Amino acid sequence: MNRHGVARSTILLGMEPRIEAEYTVINDAKMLWEQLASAYKSKLKLNIFEIREDLWSIKLQDCGDVDNYASRIDPNVKHYNLWAGPTTTDADATDTDSAKTIAKMSDQEHISYLLCGIPRNDEWNVFLELMMDNNPTMTATPMR
């Protein structure tokens, strides 16, 4: 089996059987990969949107303590970064690159999600001020 066949087989073997049946008719590995990218482009964007919605909805008071709060946020950030792909510059981007240019979540965005669910009261104001002081790129309190 040549490299082309190995690549095609690897792609197909990584699929669930119900999906694999639809793509076994494509004999070219490159075309198979492009078909998959095209078919799942909208799903990718939807998943990123859902992850961000989940992150905005996590609140400290619902988690009981800070450790549980962070342990609910961090897996979502990791999941987001798994969906994200390598970034490209505008000069390098082409129409076919647009499906894979979702950037990994920045540290600032991650911190913003952490701060978003913290109550705005005297008990937590000191913590919020320390976070803002330790991260000079954050110029305002995150939106609720």
N, C-alpha and C. Protein backbone atom coordinates (compact mmCIF):
# COMPACT_ATOMS: atom_id res chain seq x y z
N MET A 1 0.85 -1.18 0.00
CA MET A 1 0.00 0.00 0.00
C MET A 1 0.90 1.24 0.00
N ASN A 2 0.57 2.20 -0.84
CA ASN A 2 1.38 3.41 -0.90
C ASN A 2 0.95 4.41 0.18
N ARG A 3 1.68 5.52 0.28
CA ARG A 3 1.38 6.53 1.30
C ARG A 3 -0.03 7.09 1.14
N HIS A 4 -0.44 7.24 -0.09
CA HIS A 4 -1.79 7.75 -0.37
C HIS A 4 -2.84 6.82 0.24
N GLY A 5 -2.67 5.54 0.04
CA GLY A 5 -3.61 4.55 0.58
C GLY A 5 -3.57 4.51 2.10
N VAL A 6 -2.38 4.65 2.66
CA VAL A 6 -2.25 4.66 4.12
C VAL A 6 -2.97 5.89 4.69
N ALA A 7 -2.79 7.03 4.05
CA ALA A 7 -3.44 8.26 4.52
C ALA A 7 -4.96 8.11 4.47
N ARG A 8 -5.47 7.61 3.37
CA ARG A 8 -6.92 7.42 3.22
C ARG A 8 -7.44 6.45 4.26
N SER A 9 -6.74 5.33 4.44
CA SER A 9 -7.16 4.33 5.43
C SER A 9 -7.14 4.88 6.85
N THR A 10 -6.11 5.67 7.14
CA THR A 10 -6.00 6.27 8.48
C THR A 10 -7.17 7.20 8.75
N ILE A 11 -7.53 8.00 7.76
CA ILE A 11 -8.67 8.91 7.91
C ILE A 11 -9.94 8.11 8.13
N LEU A 12 -10.18 7.12 7.30
CA LEU A 12 -11.41 6.33 7.40
C LEU A 12 -11.49 5.54 8.70
N LEU A 13 -10.36 4.99 9.15
CA LEU A 13 -10.37 4.20 10.37
C LEU A 13 -10.62 5.06 11.62
N GLY A 14 -10.34 6.33 11.51
CA GLY A 14 -10.58 7.24 12.62
C GLY A 14 -12.03 7.70 12.74
N MET A 15 -12.87 7.30 11.81
CA MET A 15 -14.27 7.73 11.80
C MET A 15 -15.17 6.72 12.50
N GLU A 16 -16.29 7.22 12.97
CA GLU A 16 -17.33 6.32 13.47
C GLU A 16 -17.91 5.58 12.26
N PRO A 17 -18.32 4.33 12.43
CA PRO A 17 -18.82 3.54 11.30
C PRO A 17 -19.98 4.21 10.54
N ARG A 18 -20.88 4.89 11.26
CA ARG A 18 -22.01 5.52 10.58
C ARG A 18 -21.56 6.66 9.65
N ILE A 19 -20.44 7.29 9.97
CA ILE A 19 -19.92 8.37 9.13
C ILE A 19 -19.03 7.80 8.04
N GLU A 20 -18.27 6.77 8.37
CA GLU A 20 -17.33 6.16 7.44
C GLU A 20 -18.01 5.71 6.15
N ALA A 21 -19.19 5.13 6.26
CA ALA A 21 -19.89 4.61 5.09
C ALA A 21 -20.12 5.68 4.04
N GLU A 22 -20.37 6.88 4.47
CA GLU A 22 -20.63 7.99 3.55
C GLU A 22 -19.38 8.39 2.77
N TYR A 23 -18.20 8.18 3.36
CA TYR A 23 -16.96 8.67 2.75
C TYR A 23 -16.10 7.58 2.10
N THR A 24 -16.46 6.32 2.21
CA THR A 24 -15.65 5.26 1.62
C THR A 24 -15.64 5.31 0.09
N VAL A 25 -16.60 5.98 -0.50
CA VAL A 25 -16.65 6.09 -1.96
C VAL A 25 -15.61 7.05 -2.51
N ILE A 26 -15.01 7.89 -1.66
CA ILE A 26 -13.98 8.83 -2.11
C ILE A 26 -12.63 8.13 -2.06
N ASN A 27 -12.02 7.97 -3.22
CA ASN A 27 -10.78 7.20 -3.30
C ASN A 27 -9.52 8.03 -3.10
N ASP A 28 -9.59 9.32 -3.29
CA ASP A 28 -8.44 10.19 -3.16
C ASP A 28 -8.35 10.74 -1.73
N ALA A 29 -7.21 10.54 -1.05
CA ALA A 29 -7.06 10.96 0.35
C ALA A 29 -7.21 12.47 0.51
N LYS A 30 -6.65 13.23 -0.43
CA LYS A 30 -6.74 14.69 -0.34
C LYS A 30 -8.19 15.14 -0.51
N MET A 31 -8.89 14.58 -1.46
CA MET A 31 -10.29 14.93 -1.66
C MET A 31 -11.13 14.51 -0.46
N LEU A 32 -10.82 13.36 0.12
CA LEU A 32 -11.53 12.89 1.31
C LEU A 32 -11.35 13.89 2.44
N TRP A 33 -10.13 14.32 2.66
CA TRP A 33 -9.84 15.29 3.73
C TRP A 33 -10.57 16.61 3.47
N GLU A 34 -10.56 17.08 2.23
CA GLU A 34 -11.24 18.34 1.90
C GLU A 34 -12.76 18.23 2.07
N GLN A 35 -13.32 17.07 1.71
CA GLN A 35 -14.76 16.85 1.90
C GLN A 35 -15.12 16.89 3.39
N LEU A 36 -14.30 16.26 4.21
CA LEU A 36 -14.54 16.27 5.65
C LEU A 36 -14.44 17.69 6.21
N ALA A 37 -13.42 18.42 5.78
CA ALA A 37 -13.25 19.80 6.26
C ALA A 37 -14.45 20.65 5.88
N SER A 38 -14.92 20.49 4.68
CA SER A 38 -16.07 21.25 4.21
C SER A 38 -17.33 20.88 4.98
N ALA A 39 -17.54 19.59 5.19
CA ALA A 39 -18.75 19.12 5.86
C ALA A 39 -18.79 19.53 7.33
N TYR A 40 -17.64 19.62 7.97
CA TYR A 40 -17.61 19.89 9.40
C TYR A 40 -17.23 21.33 9.74
N LYS A 41 -17.08 22.17 8.73
CA LYS A 41 -16.74 23.58 8.97
C LYS A 41 -17.81 24.27 9.83
N SER A 42 -19.07 24.10 9.49
CA SER A 42 -20.13 24.75 10.27
C SER A 42 -20.24 24.12 11.65
N LYS A 43 -20.00 22.81 11.76
CA LYS A 43 -20.04 22.15 13.06
C LYS A 43 -18.94 22.70 13.96
N LEU A 44 -17.77 22.94 13.40
CA LEU A 44 -16.65 23.48 14.15
C LEU A 44 -17.01 24.84 14.73
N LYS A 45 -17.56 25.71 13.91
CA LYS A 45 -17.93 27.04 14.39
C LYS A 45 -19.02 26.95 15.45
N LEU A 46 -19.96 26.04 15.30
CA LEU A 46 -21.02 25.86 16.28
C LEU A 46 -20.44 25.38 17.61
N ASN A 47 -19.51 24.44 17.57
CA ASN A 47 -18.90 23.94 18.80
C ASN A 47 -18.13 25.04 19.53
N ILE A 48 -17.41 25.87 18.80
CA ILE A 48 -16.68 26.98 19.42
C ILE A 48 -17.68 27.92 20.09
N PHE A 49 -18.77 28.22 19.43
CA PHE A 49 -19.80 29.08 19.99
C PHE A 49 -20.39 28.47 21.26
N GLU A 50 -20.70 27.18 21.22
CA GLU A 50 -21.27 26.50 22.39
C GLU A 50 -20.30 26.49 23.57
N ILE A 51 -19.02 26.29 23.30
CA ILE A 51 -18.03 26.30 24.37
C ILE A 51 -17.97 27.67 25.02
N ARG A 52 -17.97 28.72 24.20
CA ARG A 52 -17.95 30.08 24.76
C ARG A 52 -19.21 30.36 25.56
N GLU A 53 -20.36 29.90 25.10
CA GLU A 53 -21.60 30.08 25.85
C GLU A 53 -21.51 29.37 27.21
N ASP A 54 -20.98 28.15 27.20
CA ASP A 54 -20.81 27.41 28.45
C ASP A 54 -19.89 28.16 29.41
N LEU A 55 -18.79 28.70 28.88
CA LEU A 55 -17.86 29.42 29.72
C LEU A 55 -18.50 30.64 30.37
N TRP A 56 -19.32 31.37 29.61
CA TRP A 56 -19.99 32.55 30.16
C TRP A 56 -21.00 32.17 31.24
N SER A 57 -21.55 30.97 31.17
CA SER A 57 -22.61 30.59 32.10
C SER A 57 -22.09 30.02 33.42
N ILE A 58 -20.81 29.68 33.51
CA ILE A 58 -20.26 29.09 34.74
C ILE A 58 -20.07 30.20 35.78
N LYS A 59 -20.67 30.00 36.94
CA LYS A 59 -20.60 30.98 38.02
C LYS A 59 -20.02 30.33 39.28
N LEU A 60 -19.20 31.07 39.99
CA LEU A 60 -18.55 30.56 41.19
C LEU A 60 -19.57 30.08 42.22
N GLN A 61 -20.62 30.84 42.44
CA GLN A 61 -21.60 30.46 43.47
C GLN A 61 -22.27 29.12 43.15
N ASP A 62 -22.33 28.73 41.88
CA ASP A 62 -22.92 27.45 41.50
C ASP A 62 -21.95 26.28 41.71
N CYS A 63 -20.65 26.59 41.85
CA CYS A 63 -19.63 25.55 41.95
C CYS A 63 -19.23 25.22 43.38
N GLY A 64 -19.56 26.07 44.29
CA GLY A 64 -19.24 25.81 45.69
C GLY A 64 -17.92 26.38 46.16
N ASP A 65 -16.84 26.13 45.42
CA ASP A 65 -15.54 26.68 45.80
C ASP A 65 -14.71 26.97 44.56
N VAL A 66 -13.59 27.65 44.78
CA VAL A 66 -12.75 28.10 43.66
C VAL A 66 -12.16 26.92 42.88
N ASP A 67 -11.77 25.85 43.57
CA ASP A 67 -11.20 24.69 42.87
C ASP A 67 -12.20 24.07 41.90
N ASN A 68 -13.44 23.88 42.36
CA ASN A 68 -14.48 23.33 41.47
C ASN A 68 -14.77 24.29 40.33
N TYR A 69 -14.77 25.58 40.64
CA TYR A 69 -15.02 26.61 39.62
C TYR A 69 -13.97 26.53 38.51
N ALA A 70 -12.70 26.52 38.91
CA ALA A 70 -11.62 26.43 37.91
C ALA A 70 -11.66 25.09 37.18
N SER A 71 -12.03 24.02 37.88
CA SER A 71 -12.06 22.70 37.23
C SER A 71 -13.21 22.58 36.24
N ARG A 72 -14.20 23.45 36.31
CA ARG A 72 -15.26 23.47 35.30
C ARG A 72 -14.88 24.33 34.10
N ILE A 73 -14.06 25.34 34.32
CA ILE A 73 -13.66 26.23 33.23
C ILE A 73 -12.52 25.64 32.40
N ASP A 74 -11.50 25.14 33.06
CA ASP A 74 -10.30 24.68 32.35
C ASP A 74 -10.56 23.60 31.30
N PRO A 75 -11.39 22.59 31.55
CA PRO A 75 -11.65 21.60 30.49
C PRO A 75 -12.32 22.22 29.25
N ASN A 76 -13.18 23.22 29.47
CA ASN A 76 -13.81 23.89 28.32
C ASN A 76 -12.77 24.64 27.50
N VAL A 77 -11.81 25.27 28.17
CA VAL A 77 -10.75 25.98 27.46
C VAL A 77 -9.90 24.98 26.68
N LYS A 78 -9.58 23.85 27.28
CA LYS A 78 -8.79 22.82 26.59
C LYS A 78 -9.57 22.28 25.39
N HIS A 79 -10.87 22.06 25.56
CA HIS A 79 -11.71 21.59 24.46
C HIS A 79 -11.71 22.61 23.32
N TYR A 80 -11.86 23.88 23.66
CA TYR A 80 -11.82 24.95 22.66
C TYR A 80 -10.50 24.88 21.89
N ASN A 81 -9.40 24.74 22.61
CA ASN A 81 -8.09 24.72 21.95
C ASN A 81 -7.89 23.48 21.10
N LEU A 82 -8.57 22.37 21.42
CA LEU A 82 -8.51 21.19 20.56
C LEU A 82 -9.19 21.46 19.23
N TRP A 83 -10.30 22.23 19.26
CA TRP A 83 -11.01 22.56 18.02
C TRP A 83 -10.25 23.58 17.20
N ALA A 84 -9.50 24.44 17.89
CA ALA A 84 -8.78 25.51 17.19
C ALA A 84 -7.66 24.92 16.35
N GLY A 85 -7.28 25.66 15.36
CA GLY A 85 -6.21 25.21 14.49
C GLY A 85 -5.11 26.23 14.45
N PRO A 86 -4.12 25.99 13.63
CA PRO A 86 -3.04 26.97 13.51
C PRO A 86 -3.57 28.26 12.89
N THR A 87 -3.06 29.37 13.36
CA THR A 87 -3.50 30.65 12.80
C THR A 87 -2.68 30.96 11.56
N THR A 88 -3.25 31.77 10.69
CA THR A 88 -2.53 32.22 9.51
C THR A 88 -2.63 33.73 9.46
N THR A 89 -1.68 34.35 8.81
CA THR A 89 -1.76 35.79 8.63
C THR A 89 -2.66 36.08 7.44
N ASP A 90 -3.18 37.29 7.36
CA ASP A 90 -4.05 37.65 6.25
C ASP A 90 -3.36 37.45 4.90
N ALA A 91 -2.06 37.70 4.86
CA ALA A 91 -1.32 37.55 3.61
C ALA A 91 -1.25 36.09 3.18
N ASP A 92 -1.22 35.18 4.17
CA ASP A 92 -1.11 33.75 3.87
C ASP A 92 -2.46 33.09 3.64
N ALA A 93 -3.53 33.72 4.11
CA ALA A 93 -4.85 33.08 4.10
C ALA A 93 -5.39 32.95 2.69
N THR A 94 -6.07 31.82 2.45
CA THR A 94 -6.78 31.60 1.20
C THR A 94 -8.18 31.16 1.57
N ASP A 95 -9.05 31.03 0.59
CA ASP A 95 -10.41 30.60 0.87
C ASP A 95 -10.44 29.23 1.53
N THR A 96 -9.53 28.34 1.15
CA THR A 96 -9.53 27.00 1.74
C THR A 96 -8.96 27.00 3.15
N ASP A 97 -8.20 28.06 3.52
CA ASP A 97 -7.64 28.14 4.87
C ASP A 97 -8.66 28.63 5.89
N SER A 98 -9.76 29.23 5.46
CA SER A 98 -10.67 29.87 6.39
C SER A 98 -11.28 28.90 7.40
N ALA A 99 -11.38 27.62 7.06
CA ALA A 99 -11.96 26.64 7.98
C ALA A 99 -11.01 26.31 9.12
N LYS A 100 -9.73 26.59 8.96
CA LYS A 100 -8.78 26.17 9.99
C LYS A 100 -8.07 27.34 10.66
N THR A 101 -8.63 28.54 10.61
CA THR A 101 -7.95 29.69 11.18
C THR A 101 -8.52 30.13 12.52
N ILE A 102 -9.29 29.29 13.19
CA ILE A 102 -9.77 29.63 14.53
C ILE A 102 -8.58 29.50 15.47
N ALA A 103 -8.22 30.61 16.09
CA ALA A 103 -7.03 30.64 16.93
C ALA A 103 -7.30 30.02 18.29
N LYS A 104 -6.23 29.56 18.91
CA LYS A 104 -6.34 29.06 20.27
C LYS A 104 -6.73 30.21 21.19
N MET A 105 -7.39 29.87 22.28
CA MET A 105 -7.86 30.89 23.21
C MET A 105 -6.66 31.57 23.86
N SER A 106 -6.68 32.90 23.87
CA SER A 106 -5.60 33.65 24.48
C SER A 106 -5.71 33.58 26.00
N ASP A 107 -4.60 33.84 26.68
CA ASP A 107 -4.61 33.88 28.14
C ASP A 107 -5.57 34.95 28.65
N GLN A 108 -5.63 36.08 27.94
CA GLN A 108 -6.52 37.16 28.36
C GLN A 108 -7.98 36.72 28.30
N GLU A 109 -8.36 36.00 27.26
CA GLU A 109 -9.74 35.53 27.16
C GLU A 109 -10.04 34.50 28.25
N HIS A 110 -9.08 33.60 28.50
CA HIS A 110 -9.22 32.61 29.55
C HIS A 110 -9.45 33.30 30.90
N ILE A 111 -8.63 34.28 31.21
CA ILE A 111 -8.76 35.03 32.46
C ILE A 111 -10.10 35.75 32.51
N SER A 112 -10.53 36.27 31.39
CA SER A 112 -11.81 36.96 31.33
C SER A 112 -12.95 36.03 31.73
N TYR A 113 -12.92 34.79 31.26
CA TYR A 113 -13.95 33.82 31.63
C TYR A 113 -13.87 33.48 33.12
N LEU A 114 -12.65 33.38 33.64
CA LEU A 114 -12.49 33.12 35.07
C LEU A 114 -13.08 34.26 35.89
N LEU A 115 -12.83 35.50 35.48
CA LEU A 115 -13.32 36.65 36.22
C LEU A 115 -14.82 36.87 36.07
N CYS A 116 -15.35 36.46 34.95
CA CYS A 116 -16.76 36.69 34.65
C CYS A 116 -17.70 36.07 35.68
N GLY A 117 -17.38 34.90 36.18
CA GLY A 117 -18.28 34.19 37.09
C GLY A 117 -18.07 34.50 38.55
N ILE A 118 -17.12 35.38 38.84
CA ILE A 118 -16.85 35.73 40.24
C ILE A 118 -17.82 36.83 40.67
N PRO A 119 -18.45 36.66 41.84
CA PRO A 119 -19.42 37.65 42.30
C PRO A 119 -18.79 39.04 42.45
N ARG A 120 -19.57 40.06 42.18
CA ARG A 120 -19.12 41.44 42.35
C ARG A 120 -19.60 41.92 43.72
N ASN A 121 -18.84 41.58 44.74
CA ASN A 121 -19.17 42.05 46.07
C ASN A 121 -17.88 42.33 46.83
N ASP A 122 -18.00 42.89 48.04
CA ASP A 122 -16.81 43.29 48.80
C ASP A 122 -15.88 42.12 49.08
N GLU A 123 -16.45 40.95 49.30
CA GLU A 123 -15.64 39.77 49.60
C GLU A 123 -14.68 39.43 48.47
N TRP A 124 -15.09 39.62 47.23
CA TRP A 124 -14.28 39.25 46.07
C TRP A 124 -13.59 40.43 45.40
N ASN A 125 -13.89 41.66 45.79
CA ASN A 125 -13.28 42.82 45.14
C ASN A 125 -11.77 42.83 45.25
N VAL A 126 -11.22 42.42 46.40
CA VAL A 126 -9.77 42.38 46.57
C VAL A 126 -9.15 41.41 45.57
N PHE A 127 -9.76 40.23 45.43
CA PHE A 127 -9.26 39.24 44.48
C PHE A 127 -9.29 39.80 43.05
N LEU A 128 -10.41 40.43 42.69
CA LEU A 128 -10.54 40.99 41.34
C LEU A 128 -9.49 42.07 41.09
N GLU A 129 -9.26 42.92 42.09
CA GLU A 129 -8.25 43.97 41.93
C GLU A 129 -6.86 43.38 41.77
N LEU A 130 -6.54 42.32 42.54
CA LEU A 130 -5.24 41.65 42.40
C LEU A 130 -5.08 41.05 41.00
N MET A 131 -6.13 40.44 40.49
CA MET A 131 -6.08 39.87 39.14
C MET A 131 -5.81 40.96 38.11
N MET A 132 -6.49 42.08 38.26
CA MET A 132 -6.32 43.19 37.31
C MET A 132 -4.89 43.76 37.41
N ASP A 133 -4.36 43.87 38.64
CA ASP A 133 -3.02 44.40 38.84
C ASP A 133 -1.95 43.46 38.27
N ASN A 134 -2.19 42.15 38.37
CA ASN A 134 -1.22 41.17 37.88
C ASN A 134 -1.29 40.94 36.38
N ASN A 135 -2.32 41.44 35.74
CA ASN A 135 -2.47 41.27 34.30
C ASN A 135 -2.69 42.64 33.68
N PRO A 136 -1.62 43.33 33.32
CA PRO A 136 -1.74 44.70 32.80
C PRO A 136 -2.51 44.80 31.48
N THR A 137 -2.71 43.70 30.78
CA THR A 137 -3.44 43.77 29.51
C THR A 137 -4.95 43.90 29.74
N MET A 138 -5.40 43.61 30.94
CA MET A 138 -6.83 43.74 31.25
C MET A 138 -7.07 45.15 31.74
N THR A 139 -7.81 45.92 30.97
CA THR A 139 -8.01 47.31 31.32
C THR A 139 -9.38 47.57 31.93
N ALA A 140 -10.26 46.58 31.91
CA ALA A 140 -11.58 46.78 32.47
C ALA A 140 -12.10 45.46 33.02
N THR A 141 -13.05 45.56 33.92
CA THR A 141 -13.69 44.37 34.46
C THR A 141 -14.46 43.68 33.36
N PRO A 142 -14.36 42.37 33.24
CA PRO A 142 -15.09 41.66 32.18
C PRO A 142 -16.60 41.88 32.29
N MET A 143 -17.26 41.82 31.15
CA MET A 143 -18.72 41.97 31.12
C MET A 143 -19.38 40.79 31.82
N ARG A 144 -20.54 41.00 32.36
CA ARG A 144 -21.31 39.93 32.98
C ARG A 144 -22.19 39.28 31.97
